Amino acid sequence: MLGGRRILDGLTLTIRGGEHTAILGPNGAGKSTLIKLLTLELYPLGHASGAPPIRVFGQNRWDVFALRSKLGLVSSDLHDRFVRGNANGVLT
């Protein structure tokens, strides 16, 4: 919740086997929050109806390690991190 408002409420995302999907949007749109919910870095609030808050692989429970092995993340500041990381390696 953000300011008493549910974030990503009612979101449905279907990615079929073999598909590659990019999640794009402006800053603050919820891209990182979505990934953190899927990988269980964050835990979603339950629904008032008692329905499971999130389903992955069509299940209420899933193997987070299997999911993480299928995810690839590219940060918007990838170039900056790459340069900084390599410069640190050269300078030390």
Protein backbone atom coordinates (compact mmCIF):
# COMPACT_ATOMS: atom_id res chain seq x y z
CA MET A 1 0.00 0.00 0.00
CA LEU A 2 1.15 3.48 -0.76
CA GLY A 3 -0.61 6.31 0.99
CA GLY A 4 -3.54 4.00 1.80
CA ARG A 5 -3.82 2.97 -1.86
CA ARG A 6 -3.25 -0.59 -3.10
CA ILE A 7 -0.44 -0.85 -5.62
CA LEU A 8 -0.78 -3.21 -8.61
CA ASP A 9 -4.30 -4.13 -7.44
CA GLY A 10 -6.15 -6.20 -10.01
CA LEU A 11 -3.08 -6.73 -12.20
CA THR A 12 -3.16 -9.80 -14.43
CA LEU A 13 0.00 -10.79 -16.28
CA THR A 14 0.21 -13.96 -18.34
CA ILE A 15 3.52 -15.09 -19.83
CA ARG A 16 3.33 -18.36 -21.72
CA GLY A 17 6.15 -20.89 -21.84
CA GLY A 18 8.87 -19.90 -24.29
CA GLU A 19 7.85 -16.24 -24.39
CA HIS A 20 10.18 -13.39 -23.56
CA THR A 21 8.56 -10.39 -21.92
CA ALA A 22 9.81 -6.91 -21.07
CA ILE A 23 8.18 -4.85 -18.35
CA LEU A 24 8.55 -1.19 -19.24
CA GLY A 25 7.18 1.98 -17.72
CA PRO A 26 8.06 5.32 -16.18
CA ASN A 27 9.72 5.71 -12.79
CA GLY A 28 7.32 4.82 -10.01
CA ALA A 29 5.04 2.71 -12.21
CA GLY A 30 5.60 -0.45 -10.13
CA LYS A 31 8.00 -2.45 -12.32
CA SER A 32 10.45 -3.21 -9.52
CA THR A 33 7.63 -3.83 -7.06
CA LEU A 34 6.12 -6.41 -9.42
CA ILE A 35 9.42 -8.27 -9.79
CA LYS A 36 10.03 -8.17 -6.02
CA LEU A 37 6.56 -9.63 -5.41
CA LEU A 38 7.20 -12.46 -7.89
CA THR A 39 10.60 -13.29 -6.38
CA LEU A 40 9.29 -12.98 -2.81
CA GLU A 41 11.57 -10.10 -1.88
CA LEU A 42 8.29 -8.39 -0.92
CA TYR A 43 5.16 -10.10 0.34
CA PRO A 44 1.76 -9.00 -0.98
CA LEU A 45 -1.20 -8.15 1.22
CA GLY A 46 -4.10 -10.57 1.05
CA HIS A 47 -7.44 -9.73 -0.52
CA ALA A 48 -10.40 -8.94 1.72
CA SER A 49 -12.23 -11.79 -0.08
CA GLY A 50 -9.63 -14.29 1.14
CA ALA A 51 -8.44 -15.00 -2.42
CA PRO A 52 -4.70 -15.61 -2.79
CA PRO A 53 -2.92 -12.30 -3.39
CA ILE A 54 -0.67 -13.64 -6.14
CA ARG A 55 -0.40 -16.76 -8.31
CA VAL A 56 2.71 -17.85 -10.19
CA PHE A 57 2.90 -20.86 -12.50
CA GLY A 58 -0.88 -21.09 -11.90
CA GLN A 59 -0.30 -21.87 -8.23
CA ASN A 60 -0.69 -20.05 -4.92
CA ARG A 61 2.73 -21.39 -3.88
CA TRP A 62 5.71 -21.72 -6.18
CA ASP A 63 9.38 -22.57 -6.22
CA VAL A 64 10.97 -19.15 -5.97
CA PHE A 65 14.38 -20.54 -6.96
CA ALA A 66 12.95 -22.01 -10.18
CA LEU A 67 11.32 -18.67 -10.95
CA ARG A 68 14.49 -16.70 -10.22
CA SER A 69 16.45 -18.99 -12.56
CA LYS A 70 14.12 -17.94 -15.39
CA LEU A 71 14.27 -14.18 -14.76
CA GLY A 72 16.72 -11.78 -16.33
CA LEU A 73 16.82 -8.23 -15.05
CA VAL A 74 18.34 -5.24 -16.80
CA SER A 75 18.58 -2.07 -14.74
CA SER A 76 18.02 1.32 -16.34
CA ASP A 77 21.40 2.35 -14.98
CA LEU A 78 23.18 -0.74 -16.35
CA HIS A 79 25.78 1.31 -18.21
CA ASP A 80 26.65 3.38 -15.12
CA ARG A 81 26.96 0.27 -12.95
CA PHE A 82 29.11 -1.48 -15.56
CA VAL A 83 31.51 1.46 -15.89
CA ARG A 84 31.69 2.05 -12.13
CA GLY A 85 32.26 -1.67 -11.43
CA ASN A 86 35.02 -1.97 -14.03
CA ALA A 87 36.66 1.29 -12.93
CA ASN A 88 36.72 0.05 -9.34
CA GLY A 89 38.40 -3.16 -10.49
CA VAL A 90 41.09 -1.23 -12.37
CA LEU A 91 41.69 1.36 -9.67
CA THR A 92 42.13 -1.11 -6.80
